[in-house]
Amino acid sequence: MAQGKANTEMDEIYQEFKELVNMTPGQIENHLATEESKKVGFKEEEGGESVGHQSGRKIIHIKQKKKADLTDDDYAHMRKVTGYIKRHSAQKPSGDISDTPWRYSLMNWGHDPEKK
């Protein structure tokens, strides 16, 4: 019984991650290499890598795996990613968002708000 519940929950996390993370591993990798990507986000230490930047690297790794090969840690990160994307998306600034720290931060987490 508990296994079935866990599988359902994991399926929901997986589905939500697939819907919200709308960038390919290559697109995320290209974005992470930009200055815009490196400038945004919370850094635990001065001059260090931001949490979102670290997350982007994990997302690339997760997206390159088969669903059957995902670990509990992967699912925990996927849940963290979808939570961040939903919270941050709700803070959308007004006006043109194309060249904003808000958009670059979301892209570090694998979500481009300009992508349909």
N, C-alpha and C. Protein backbone atom coordinates (compact mmCIF):
# COMPACT_ATOMS: atom_id res chain seq x y z
N MET A 1 0.82 -1.20 0.00
CA MET A 1 0.00 0.00 0.00
C MET A 1 0.86 1.26 0.00
N ALA A 2 1.79 1.33 0.93
CA ALA A 2 2.64 2.53 1.01
C ALA A 2 3.44 2.71 -0.28
N GLN A 3 3.87 1.61 -0.89
CA GLN A 3 4.64 1.67 -2.14
C GLN A 3 3.81 2.33 -3.24
N GLY A 4 2.54 1.96 -3.33
CA GLY A 4 1.65 2.55 -4.33
C GLY A 4 1.50 4.04 -4.13
N LYS A 5 1.35 4.46 -2.87
CA LYS A 5 1.22 5.88 -2.55
C LYS A 5 2.50 6.62 -2.94
N ALA A 6 3.64 6.02 -2.62
CA ALA A 6 4.93 6.63 -2.96
C ALA A 6 5.07 6.77 -4.47
N ASN A 7 4.68 5.74 -5.20
CA ASN A 7 4.78 5.80 -6.67
C ASN A 7 3.89 6.88 -7.24
N THR A 8 2.68 7.03 -6.71
CA THR A 8 1.77 8.06 -7.17
C THR A 8 2.38 9.44 -6.92
N GLU A 9 2.91 9.63 -5.72
CA GLU A 9 3.53 10.91 -5.37
C GLU A 9 4.73 11.19 -6.28
N MET A 10 5.54 10.18 -6.53
CA MET A 10 6.70 10.34 -7.40
C MET A 10 6.27 10.66 -8.83
N ASP A 11 5.20 10.00 -9.28
CA ASP A 11 4.68 10.29 -10.63
C ASP A 11 4.23 11.75 -10.73
N GLU A 12 3.59 12.26 -9.66
CA GLU A 12 3.13 13.65 -9.65
C GLU A 12 4.32 14.61 -9.69
N ILE A 13 5.34 14.32 -8.89
CA ILE A 13 6.55 15.16 -8.87
C ILE A 13 7.19 15.15 -10.25
N TYR A 14 7.31 13.96 -10.83
CA TYR A 14 7.94 13.81 -12.15
C TYR A 14 7.17 14.61 -13.20
N GLN A 15 5.84 14.48 -13.20
CA GLN A 15 5.00 15.16 -14.19
C GLN A 15 5.10 16.67 -14.05
N GLU A 16 5.04 17.15 -12.81
CA GLU A 16 5.12 18.60 -12.58
C GLU A 16 6.49 19.14 -13.00
N PHE A 17 7.54 18.39 -12.70
CA PHE A 17 8.90 18.77 -13.08
C PHE A 17 8.99 18.87 -14.62
N LYS A 18 8.44 17.85 -15.31
CA LYS A 18 8.47 17.85 -16.77
C LYS A 18 7.73 19.05 -17.35
N GLU A 19 6.63 19.44 -16.72
CA GLU A 19 5.84 20.57 -17.22
C GLU A 19 6.52 21.91 -16.95
N LEU A 20 7.10 22.08 -15.76
CA LEU A 20 7.66 23.37 -15.37
C LEU A 20 9.08 23.60 -15.88
N VAL A 21 9.87 22.55 -15.95
CA VAL A 21 11.25 22.68 -16.45
C VAL A 21 11.16 22.58 -17.97
N ASN A 22 11.05 23.76 -18.62
CA ASN A 22 10.76 23.78 -20.06
C ASN A 22 12.01 24.03 -20.91
N MET A 23 13.18 23.91 -20.30
CA MET A 23 14.43 24.07 -21.05
C MET A 23 15.11 22.71 -21.18
N THR A 24 15.79 22.51 -22.30
CA THR A 24 16.54 21.26 -22.51
C THR A 24 17.85 21.33 -21.73
N PRO A 25 18.50 20.19 -21.48
CA PRO A 25 19.81 20.23 -20.82
C PRO A 25 20.79 21.17 -21.54
N GLY A 26 20.79 21.16 -22.86
CA GLY A 26 21.68 22.03 -23.62
C GLY A 26 21.37 23.50 -23.42
N GLN A 27 20.08 23.84 -23.39
CA GLN A 27 19.68 25.24 -23.17
C GLN A 27 20.08 25.70 -21.76
N ILE A 28 19.88 24.83 -20.79
CA ILE A 28 20.26 25.17 -19.41
C ILE A 28 21.77 25.36 -19.33
N GLU A 29 22.50 24.43 -19.92
CA GLU A 29 23.96 24.49 -19.90
C GLU A 29 24.46 25.80 -20.55
N ASN A 30 23.89 26.16 -21.69
CA ASN A 30 24.26 27.41 -22.37
C ASN A 30 23.96 28.62 -21.48
N HIS A 31 22.80 28.59 -20.84
CA HIS A 31 22.42 29.70 -19.95
C HIS A 31 23.37 29.80 -18.76
N LEU A 32 23.71 28.66 -18.15
CA LEU A 32 24.58 28.68 -16.97
C LEU A 32 25.96 29.25 -17.28
N ALA A 33 26.35 29.23 -18.55
CA ALA A 33 27.67 29.74 -18.95
C ALA A 33 27.67 31.26 -19.11
N THR A 34 26.48 31.89 -19.06
CA THR A 34 26.40 33.34 -19.28
C THR A 34 26.69 34.13 -18.00
N GLU A 35 27.12 35.37 -18.20
CA GLU A 35 27.33 36.28 -17.06
C GLU A 35 26.01 36.56 -16.34
N GLU A 36 24.92 36.68 -17.12
CA GLU A 36 23.60 36.95 -16.54
C GLU A 36 23.23 35.86 -15.54
N SER A 37 23.52 34.63 -15.90
CA SER A 37 23.21 33.51 -15.02
C SER A 37 24.02 33.56 -13.74
N LYS A 38 25.29 33.91 -13.89
CA LYS A 38 26.20 33.90 -12.73
C LYS A 38 25.95 35.07 -11.78
N LYS A 39 25.34 36.15 -12.28
CA LYS A 39 25.12 37.35 -11.46
C LYS A 39 23.91 37.24 -10.54
N VAL A 40 22.94 36.38 -10.88
CA VAL A 40 21.69 36.35 -10.12
C VAL A 40 21.67 35.24 -9.08
N GLY A 41 20.79 35.41 -8.11
CA GLY A 41 20.56 34.35 -7.13
C GLY A 41 21.31 34.51 -5.83
N PHE A 42 20.86 33.76 -4.85
CA PHE A 42 21.44 33.77 -3.50
C PHE A 42 22.74 32.97 -3.50
N LYS A 43 23.80 33.59 -2.98
CA LYS A 43 25.09 32.92 -2.86
C LYS A 43 25.39 32.69 -1.39
N GLU A 44 25.73 31.46 -1.03
CA GLU A 44 26.00 31.15 0.37
C GLU A 44 27.31 31.77 0.84
N GLU A 45 28.22 32.02 -0.10
CA GLU A 45 29.46 32.71 0.26
C GLU A 45 29.80 33.73 -0.81
N GLU A 46 30.43 34.80 -0.40
CA GLU A 46 30.80 35.88 -1.33
C GLU A 46 31.61 35.33 -2.50
N GLY A 47 31.18 35.63 -3.71
CA GLY A 47 31.90 35.18 -4.89
C GLY A 47 31.66 33.71 -5.24
N GLY A 48 30.85 33.03 -4.44
CA GLY A 48 30.58 31.62 -4.70
C GLY A 48 29.48 31.43 -5.74
N GLU A 49 29.17 30.18 -5.97
CA GLU A 49 28.12 29.84 -6.93
C GLU A 49 26.75 29.98 -6.26
N SER A 50 25.78 30.54 -6.97
CA SER A 50 24.44 30.70 -6.40
C SER A 50 23.75 29.34 -6.28
N VAL A 51 22.77 29.31 -5.39
CA VAL A 51 21.97 28.09 -5.18
C VAL A 51 21.29 27.68 -6.49
N GLY A 52 20.76 28.67 -7.22
CA GLY A 52 20.08 28.38 -8.49
C GLY A 52 21.03 27.83 -9.54
N HIS A 53 22.25 28.34 -9.54
CA HIS A 53 23.26 27.87 -10.50
C HIS A 53 23.60 26.41 -10.21
N GLN A 54 23.78 26.09 -8.93
CA GLN A 54 24.04 24.69 -8.54
C GLN A 54 22.86 23.82 -8.93
N SER A 55 21.66 24.34 -8.71
CA SER A 55 20.45 23.61 -9.05
C SER A 55 20.39 23.31 -10.55
N GLY A 56 20.75 24.30 -11.36
CA GLY A 56 20.74 24.11 -12.82
C GLY A 56 21.62 22.94 -13.24
N ARG A 57 22.79 22.82 -12.60
CA ARG A 57 23.67 21.70 -12.94
C ARG A 57 23.03 20.36 -12.54
N LYS A 58 22.34 20.35 -11.39
CA LYS A 58 21.65 19.12 -10.96
C LYS A 58 20.50 18.79 -11.92
N ILE A 59 19.78 19.82 -12.37
CA ILE A 59 18.66 19.62 -13.28
C ILE A 59 19.14 18.98 -14.59
N ILE A 60 20.26 19.45 -15.11
CA ILE A 60 20.83 18.87 -16.33
C ILE A 60 21.06 17.38 -16.12
N HIS A 61 21.66 17.04 -15.00
CA HIS A 61 21.95 15.64 -14.66
C HIS A 61 20.65 14.82 -14.58
N ILE A 62 19.64 15.37 -13.91
CA ILE A 62 18.35 14.67 -13.77
C ILE A 62 17.69 14.47 -15.13
N LYS A 63 17.69 15.51 -15.96
CA LYS A 63 17.03 15.42 -17.27
C LYS A 63 17.72 14.44 -18.22
N GLN A 64 18.99 14.14 -17.96
CA GLN A 64 19.72 13.20 -18.81
C GLN A 64 19.51 11.75 -18.39
N LYS A 65 18.82 11.54 -17.28
CA LYS A 65 18.57 10.18 -16.79
C LYS A 65 17.24 9.64 -17.32
N LYS A 66 17.14 8.32 -17.34
CA LYS A 66 15.86 7.68 -17.61
C LYS A 66 15.04 7.76 -16.31
N LYS A 67 13.73 7.82 -16.44
CA LYS A 67 12.86 7.92 -15.26
C LYS A 67 13.16 6.79 -14.27
N ALA A 68 13.38 5.59 -14.77
CA ALA A 68 13.63 4.43 -13.91
C ALA A 68 14.93 4.55 -13.10
N ASP A 69 15.83 5.41 -13.56
CA ASP A 69 17.14 5.57 -12.90
C ASP A 69 17.17 6.72 -11.88
N LEU A 70 16.05 7.42 -11.74
CA LEU A 70 16.02 8.55 -10.80
C LEU A 70 16.06 8.05 -9.36
N THR A 71 16.82 8.75 -8.53
CA THR A 71 16.98 8.36 -7.12
C THR A 71 16.04 9.19 -6.23
N ASP A 72 15.98 8.82 -4.96
CA ASP A 72 15.20 9.61 -4.00
C ASP A 72 15.74 11.04 -3.93
N ASP A 73 17.07 11.19 -3.99
CA ASP A 73 17.66 12.53 -3.99
C ASP A 73 17.23 13.33 -5.21
N ASP A 74 17.15 12.66 -6.37
CA ASP A 74 16.69 13.33 -7.59
C ASP A 74 15.26 13.83 -7.40
N TYR A 75 14.39 12.97 -6.85
CA TYR A 75 12.99 13.36 -6.64
C TYR A 75 12.90 14.51 -5.63
N ALA A 76 13.73 14.49 -4.60
CA ALA A 76 13.73 15.58 -3.61
C ALA A 76 14.14 16.89 -4.30
N HIS A 77 15.12 16.82 -5.19
CA HIS A 77 15.55 18.03 -5.89
C HIS A 77 14.47 18.48 -6.87
N MET A 78 13.83 17.54 -7.54
CA MET A 78 12.76 17.89 -8.48
C MET A 78 11.64 18.63 -7.76
N ARG A 79 11.32 18.18 -6.54
CA ARG A 79 10.27 18.84 -5.74
C ARG A 79 10.72 20.26 -5.38
N LYS A 80 11.99 20.41 -5.00
CA LYS A 80 12.54 21.73 -4.65
C LYS A 80 12.46 22.66 -5.87
N VAL A 81 12.80 22.14 -7.05
CA VAL A 81 12.79 22.91 -8.29
C VAL A 81 11.38 23.40 -8.62
N THR A 82 10.41 22.51 -8.57
CA THR A 82 9.04 22.91 -8.93
C THR A 82 8.51 23.93 -7.92
N GLY A 83 8.84 23.76 -6.65
CA GLY A 83 8.42 24.72 -5.63
C GLY A 83 9.01 26.10 -5.91
N TYR A 84 10.30 26.13 -6.24
CA TYR A 84 10.96 27.40 -6.53
C TYR A 84 10.33 28.07 -7.75
N ILE A 85 10.15 27.30 -8.82
CA ILE A 85 9.60 27.87 -10.06
C ILE A 85 8.21 28.47 -9.79
N LYS A 86 7.38 27.76 -9.03
CA LYS A 86 6.03 28.26 -8.75
C LYS A 86 6.09 29.54 -7.90
N ARG A 87 6.91 29.54 -6.85
CA ARG A 87 7.02 30.72 -5.97
C ARG A 87 7.58 31.92 -6.74
N HIS A 88 8.66 31.69 -7.48
CA HIS A 88 9.33 32.78 -8.18
C HIS A 88 8.47 33.31 -9.33
N SER A 89 7.75 32.43 -10.01
CA SER A 89 6.87 32.85 -11.12
C SER A 89 5.79 33.79 -10.62
N ALA A 90 5.34 33.57 -9.39
CA ALA A 90 4.29 34.42 -8.81
C ALA A 90 4.79 35.84 -8.55
N GLN A 91 6.09 36.06 -8.57
CA GLN A 91 6.68 37.38 -8.31
C GLN A 91 7.04 38.11 -9.61
N LYS A 92 6.39 37.74 -10.69
CA LYS A 92 6.72 38.32 -12.00
C LYS A 92 6.64 39.84 -11.98
N PRO A 93 7.71 40.50 -12.43
CA PRO A 93 7.67 41.96 -12.48
C PRO A 93 6.82 42.42 -13.66
N SER A 94 6.38 43.68 -13.60
CA SER A 94 5.59 44.18 -14.73
C SER A 94 6.52 44.61 -15.85
N GLY A 95 5.96 44.71 -17.03
CA GLY A 95 6.74 45.17 -18.18
C GLY A 95 7.47 44.04 -18.88
N ASP A 96 8.43 44.42 -19.69
CA ASP A 96 9.20 43.47 -20.49
C ASP A 96 10.13 42.68 -19.56
N ILE A 97 10.03 41.37 -19.59
CA ILE A 97 10.84 40.53 -18.69
C ILE A 97 12.06 39.92 -19.37
N SER A 98 12.23 40.19 -20.69
CA SER A 98 13.28 39.46 -21.42
C SER A 98 14.67 39.58 -20.84
N ASP A 99 15.02 40.77 -20.36
CA ASP A 99 16.39 40.99 -19.89
C ASP A 99 16.37 41.37 -18.41
N THR A 100 15.77 40.50 -17.59
CA THR A 100 15.64 40.81 -16.16
C THR A 100 16.30 39.74 -15.29
N PRO A 101 16.79 40.14 -14.12
CA PRO A 101 17.33 39.16 -13.18
C PRO A 101 16.27 38.10 -12.82
N TRP A 102 15.01 38.52 -12.76
CA TRP A 102 13.91 37.59 -12.45
C TRP A 102 13.89 36.43 -13.44
N ARG A 103 13.95 36.75 -14.73
CA ARG A 103 13.94 35.71 -15.77
C ARG A 103 15.20 34.86 -15.70
N TYR A 104 16.37 35.51 -15.55
CA TYR A 104 17.63 34.76 -15.52
C TYR A 104 17.67 33.80 -14.34
N SER A 105 17.10 34.22 -13.22
CA SER A 105 17.06 33.36 -12.05
C SER A 105 16.19 32.12 -12.33
N LEU A 106 15.02 32.34 -12.92
CA LEU A 106 14.16 31.20 -13.27
C LEU A 106 14.86 30.26 -14.26
N MET A 107 15.61 30.84 -15.19
CA MET A 107 16.30 30.02 -16.18
C MET A 107 17.40 29.17 -15.52
N ASN A 108 18.00 29.68 -14.44
CA ASN A 108 18.97 28.86 -13.69
C ASN A 108 18.29 27.59 -13.16
N TRP A 109 16.99 27.69 -12.91
CA TRP A 109 16.21 26.57 -12.39
C TRP A 109 15.50 25.80 -13.52
N GLY A 110 15.90 26.06 -14.77
CA GLY A 110 15.38 25.30 -15.91
C GLY A 110 14.08 25.76 -16.48
N HIS A 111 13.61 26.95 -16.08
CA HIS A 111 12.32 27.45 -16.57
C HIS A 111 12.51 28.80 -17.24
N ASP A 112 12.21 28.85 -18.54
CA ASP A 112 12.24 30.13 -19.25
C ASP A 112 10.80 30.63 -19.38
N PRO A 113 10.45 31.70 -18.67
CA PRO A 113 9.06 32.19 -18.69
C PRO A 113 8.64 32.74 -20.05
N GLU A 114 9.59 32.97 -20.95
CA GLU A 114 9.24 33.47 -22.28
C GLU A 114 8.98 32.33 -23.27
N LYS A 115 9.27 31.12 -22.86
CA LYS A 115 9.12 29.96 -23.74
C LYS A 115 7.69 29.42 -23.63
N LYS A 116 7.07 29.20 -24.76
CA LYS A 116 5.70 28.68 -24.76
C LYS A 116 5.68 27.17 -24.88
